[in-house]
Each structure stands twice: as structure tokens, then as C-alpha cells.
N, C-alpha and C. Protein backbone atom coordinates (compact mmCIF):
# COMPACT_ATOMS: atom_id res chain seq x y z
N UNK A 1 -2.15 -36.16 22.71
CA UNK A 1 -3.27 -35.89 23.17
C UNK A 1 -3.39 -34.94 24.06
N UNK A 2 -4.45 -33.69 23.60
CA UNK A 2 -5.01 -32.92 24.32
C UNK A 2 -5.72 -33.13 25.80
N UNK A 3 -5.43 -32.70 27.11
CA UNK A 3 -6.35 -33.09 27.69
C UNK A 3 -7.64 -32.07 28.39
N UNK A 4 -7.53 -30.87 27.53
CA UNK A 4 -8.22 -30.09 27.56
C UNK A 4 -9.01 -29.48 26.54
N UNK A 5 -10.45 -28.86 26.95
CA UNK A 5 -10.94 -28.76 25.57
C UNK A 5 -10.34 -27.22 24.71
N UNK A 6 -9.63 -26.43 25.73
CA UNK A 6 -9.19 -25.37 24.96
C UNK A 6 -7.59 -25.66 24.29
N UNK A 7 -6.99 -26.70 25.01
CA UNK A 7 -5.97 -27.49 24.56
C UNK A 7 -6.20 -28.17 22.61
N UNK A 8 -7.53 -28.39 22.90
CA UNK A 8 -7.91 -29.72 21.89
C UNK A 8 -8.54 -28.19 20.55
N UNK A 9 -8.97 -27.17 21.04
CA UNK A 9 -9.43 -26.02 19.98
C UNK A 9 -8.18 -25.68 19.30
N UNK A 10 -7.03 -25.27 20.03
CA UNK A 10 -5.61 -24.60 20.27
C UNK A 10 -5.07 -25.81 19.02
N UNK A 11 -5.16 -27.04 19.22
CA UNK A 11 -4.85 -28.33 18.11
C UNK A 11 -5.44 -27.73 16.35
N UNK A 12 -6.47 -27.69 16.65
CA UNK A 12 -7.71 -27.53 15.44
C UNK A 12 -6.98 -26.19 14.84
N UNK A 13 -7.01 -25.21 15.73
CA UNK A 13 -6.33 -23.90 14.88
C UNK A 13 -5.10 -23.95 14.45
N UNK A 14 -3.94 -24.60 15.79
CA UNK A 14 -3.04 -24.86 14.83
C UNK A 14 -2.70 -25.09 13.54
N UNK A 15 -3.63 -26.38 13.17
CA UNK A 15 -3.59 -27.23 12.01
C UNK A 15 -3.92 -26.67 11.23
N UNK A 16 -5.36 -25.94 11.21
CA UNK A 16 -5.55 -24.54 9.80
C UNK A 16 -4.54 -23.50 9.54
N UNK A 17 -4.21 -22.95 10.66
CA UNK A 17 -3.25 -22.15 10.04
C UNK A 17 -1.99 -22.73 9.54
N UNK A 18 -1.66 -24.00 9.65
CA UNK A 18 -0.30 -24.55 9.54
C UNK A 18 -0.90 -24.75 7.61
N UNK A 19 -1.84 -25.15 7.70
CA UNK A 19 -2.13 -25.44 6.13
C UNK A 19 -2.17 -24.53 5.67
N UNK A 20 -3.06 -23.40 5.73
CA UNK A 20 -2.84 -21.55 5.14
C UNK A 20 -1.56 -21.25 5.01
N UNK A 21 -0.93 -21.45 5.88
CA UNK A 21 0.66 -20.68 5.63
C UNK A 21 1.20 -21.55 4.85
N UNK A 22 1.45 -23.13 4.69
CA UNK A 22 2.02 -23.74 3.60
C UNK A 22 1.85 -23.24 2.22
N UNK A 23 0.44 -22.67 1.88
CA UNK A 23 -0.12 -22.69 0.72
C UNK A 23 0.20 -21.59 0.75
N UNK A 24 0.41 -20.35 1.33
CA UNK A 24 0.74 -19.35 1.02
C UNK A 24 2.21 -19.20 0.47
N UNK A 25 3.35 -19.98 1.18
CA UNK A 25 4.41 -20.23 1.11
C UNK A 25 4.82 -21.02 -0.64
N UNK A 26 3.80 -21.95 -0.62
CA UNK A 26 3.98 -22.42 -1.98
C UNK A 26 3.62 -21.82 -3.02
N UNK A 27 2.29 -20.93 -2.71
CA UNK A 27 2.37 -19.95 -4.08
C UNK A 27 3.33 -18.85 -3.91
N UNK A 28 4.09 -18.58 -2.90
CA UNK A 28 4.95 -17.83 -3.31
C UNK A 28 6.45 -18.19 -3.84
N UNK A 29 6.57 -19.51 -3.63
CA UNK A 29 7.71 -20.03 -4.07
C UNK A 29 7.16 -20.35 -5.72
N UNK A 30 6.10 -20.44 -6.07
CA UNK A 30 5.43 -20.41 -7.32
C UNK A 30 5.89 -19.17 -8.31
N UNK A 31 5.58 -17.89 -7.56
CA UNK A 31 5.71 -16.60 -7.70
C UNK A 31 7.10 -16.24 -8.41
N UNK A 32 8.12 -16.58 -7.72
CA UNK A 32 9.47 -16.72 -7.93
C UNK A 32 9.30 -17.83 -9.17
N UNK A 33 9.18 -18.61 -8.91
CA UNK A 33 9.94 -19.55 -10.48
C UNK A 33 9.47 -18.77 -11.49
N UNK A 34 8.15 -18.19 -11.77
CA UNK A 34 7.35 -17.61 -12.48
C UNK A 34 8.55 -16.40 -13.16
N UNK A 35 8.60 -15.92 -12.36
CA UNK A 35 9.96 -14.45 -12.58
C UNK A 35 11.22 -15.12 -12.98
N UNK A 36 11.75 -15.89 -12.53
CA UNK A 36 12.84 -16.49 -12.76
C UNK A 36 13.21 -17.45 -14.36
N UNK A 37 11.86 -17.19 -14.88
CA UNK A 37 11.93 -18.00 -15.98
C UNK A 37 11.05 -16.95 -16.70
N UNK A 38 11.24 -16.05 -16.42
CA UNK A 38 10.27 -15.13 -17.42
C UNK A 38 11.80 -14.41 -18.37
N UNK A 39 11.42 -14.06 -19.56
CA UNK A 39 12.36 -13.21 -20.40
C UNK A 39 11.97 -12.19 -21.24
N UNK A 40 10.85 -11.79 -20.87
CA UNK A 40 10.63 -10.95 -21.17
C UNK A 40 10.56 -9.30 -20.10
N UNK A 41 11.34 -8.24 -20.28
CA UNK A 41 11.82 -7.47 -19.29
C UNK A 41 10.13 -6.84 -18.76
N UNK A 42 9.15 -6.54 -19.17
CA UNK A 42 8.49 -5.65 -18.95
C UNK A 42 7.03 -6.87 -18.77
N UNK A 43 6.63 -7.75 -18.82
CA UNK A 43 6.35 -9.00 -17.85
C UNK A 43 6.66 -9.36 -16.71
N UNK A 44 8.37 -9.46 -16.49
CA UNK A 44 8.76 -9.70 -15.71
C UNK A 44 8.85 -8.71 -14.53
N UNK A 45 8.22 -7.30 -14.76
CA UNK A 45 8.60 -6.50 -13.67
C UNK A 45 6.71 -6.53 -13.47
N UNK A 46 5.64 -6.35 -14.12
CA UNK A 46 4.83 -6.94 -13.67
C UNK A 46 4.58 -7.69 -12.71
N UNK A 47 4.67 -8.96 -13.02
CA UNK A 47 4.84 -9.81 -11.88
C UNK A 47 6.13 -9.70 -10.94
N UNK A 48 7.07 -9.20 -10.74
CA UNK A 48 7.37 -8.27 -9.77
C UNK A 48 7.12 -7.95 -9.01
N UNK A 49 6.31 -6.85 -9.26
CA UNK A 49 5.53 -6.10 -8.75
C UNK A 49 4.11 -6.40 -7.73
N UNK A 50 3.68 -7.68 -8.67
CA UNK A 50 2.84 -8.49 -7.98
C UNK A 50 3.27 -9.29 -6.67
N UNK A 51 4.79 -10.26 -7.02
CA UNK A 51 5.31 -10.69 -6.46
C UNK A 51 5.61 -10.14 -4.50
N UNK A 52 5.86 -8.67 -5.00
CA UNK A 52 7.14 -7.79 -3.87
C UNK A 52 5.40 -7.75 -2.88
N UNK A 53 4.48 -7.24 -3.78
CA UNK A 53 3.33 -6.79 -2.42
C UNK A 53 3.01 -8.24 -1.79
N UNK A 54 3.15 -9.25 -2.48
CA UNK A 54 2.35 -10.39 -1.79
C UNK A 54 3.75 -11.33 -0.49
N UNK A 55 4.92 -10.98 -0.73
CA UNK A 55 5.93 -11.03 0.08
C UNK A 55 5.73 -10.03 1.04
N UNK A 56 5.58 -9.06 1.03
CA UNK A 56 5.13 -7.88 2.03
C UNK A 56 4.05 -8.57 2.93
N UNK A 57 3.20 -8.53 2.15
CA UNK A 57 1.63 -9.29 3.28
C UNK A 57 2.12 -10.41 4.04
N UNK A 58 2.85 -11.62 3.70
CA UNK A 58 3.70 -12.49 4.09
C UNK A 58 4.21 -12.01 5.22
N UNK A 59 5.08 -11.12 4.84
CA UNK A 59 6.46 -11.36 5.91
C UNK A 59 5.58 -10.34 6.94
N UNK A 60 4.60 -9.43 6.46
CA UNK A 60 3.78 -8.67 7.90
C UNK A 60 3.05 -9.71 8.80
N UNK A 61 2.94 -10.70 8.19
CA UNK A 61 1.81 -11.74 9.04
C UNK A 61 2.62 -13.07 9.32
N UNK A 62 4.45 -12.53 9.26
CA UNK A 62 5.41 -13.43 10.16
C UNK A 62 4.72 -15.11 9.39
N UNK A 63 4.48 -15.17 7.99
CA UNK A 63 4.34 -16.57 7.72
C UNK A 63 5.45 -16.73 6.83
N UNK A 64 6.43 -15.35 6.78
CA UNK A 64 8.07 -15.72 6.39
C UNK A 64 8.74 -15.06 7.32
N UNK A 65 10.14 -15.14 7.34
CA UNK A 65 10.85 -13.83 8.82
C UNK A 65 11.14 -13.13 7.35
N UNK A 66 10.79 -11.27 8.24
CA UNK A 66 11.28 -10.23 7.07
C UNK A 66 12.18 -10.12 6.74
N UNK A 67 13.21 -11.04 7.29
CA UNK A 67 14.90 -11.31 6.34
C UNK A 67 14.90 -11.86 5.32
N UNK A 68 13.87 -12.69 5.10
CA UNK A 68 13.60 -13.79 4.22
C UNK A 68 13.05 -13.19 3.53
N UNK A 69 12.29 -12.12 3.35
CA UNK A 69 11.17 -10.93 2.35
C UNK A 69 12.08 -10.97 1.82
N UNK A 70 13.25 -9.73 2.50
CA UNK A 70 13.43 -8.90 1.74
C UNK A 70 14.89 -9.37 0.99
N UNK A 71 15.59 -10.56 1.50
CA UNK A 71 16.39 -11.14 0.50
C UNK A 71 16.22 -11.59 -0.63
N UNK A 72 14.61 -12.04 -0.82
CA UNK A 72 14.16 -13.05 -2.03
C UNK A 72 13.53 -11.70 -2.89
N UNK A 73 13.23 -10.50 -2.28
CA UNK A 73 13.09 -9.11 -3.55
C UNK A 73 13.99 -8.59 -3.92
N UNK A 74 15.38 -8.79 -3.12
CA UNK A 74 16.71 -8.52 -3.74
C UNK A 74 16.75 -9.27 -4.26
N UNK A 75 16.80 -10.54 -4.74
CA UNK A 75 17.33 -11.08 -5.93
C UNK A 75 16.33 -11.32 -7.03
N UNK A 76 15.07 -10.70 -6.59
CA UNK A 76 14.32 -11.11 -8.07
C UNK A 76 14.51 -9.47 -8.50
N UNK A 77 14.69 -8.50 -7.52
CA UNK A 77 15.23 -7.57 -8.23
C UNK A 77 16.02 -7.60 -9.05
N UNK A 78 17.13 -7.77 -8.64
CA UNK A 78 18.83 -7.82 -9.45
C UNK A 78 18.21 -8.67 -10.81
N UNK A 79 17.67 -10.06 -10.59
CA UNK A 79 17.30 -11.03 -11.74
C UNK A 79 16.52 -9.50 -12.93
N UNK A 80 15.25 -9.19 -12.29
CA UNK A 80 14.87 -8.83 -13.46
C UNK A 80 15.99 -7.30 -14.12
N UNK A 81 16.36 -6.57 -13.54
CA UNK A 81 17.27 -5.90 -13.83
C UNK A 81 18.38 -6.31 -15.07
N UNK A 82 18.34 -7.79 -14.96
CA UNK A 82 19.32 -8.07 -16.12
C UNK A 82 18.82 -8.67 -16.66
N UNK A 83 17.53 -7.99 -17.08
CA UNK A 83 16.68 -8.54 -18.41
C UNK A 83 16.71 -7.53 -19.01
N UNK A 84 16.68 -6.53 -18.43
CA UNK A 84 16.24 -5.07 -19.54
C UNK A 84 17.51 -4.45 -19.49
């Protein structure tokens, strides 16, 4: 339990950020699954471009680690290349 007003505010801010980050991570996992289940190369490439932009934004804000972002993008790129 926070003993100071500033500590209580920090707890509230952390809770809001945690929810926002969790939503973004879930959204990222959904994008990845959509790309992996795609069979049309053109659709997969379009989804890949959108996912890469989202991944880069999350890595820039440190919601996901930059190495994790690079790994996920690489895996998705290889998957899309096998379709076409």
C-alpha cells in the first residue's frame, strides 16, 4: 500500500500502462497468427507490412524487446517467402 500521494499516483499510472501494453501485445500476437494462417501470398505480404510497422512501434516504445521484435519480423518474412 502506497504511503505517499506520489506513490499512489505511480501505482495508478503503472496499472494504466500495464493494461495498454498488454492490449498491444495481444494485438501483436493476433496479427502474427493471421499472417501465419494466410495462404494467399499477396494478402500475407500486405498483412506483413502492417505487422512490421506495428512491431517496430512497439519495439521503439519498449513494449517488446527490440531483439524479440527483430526475431518475430524475421520469422514472418521467412513464412511469407515460402508462400510465394
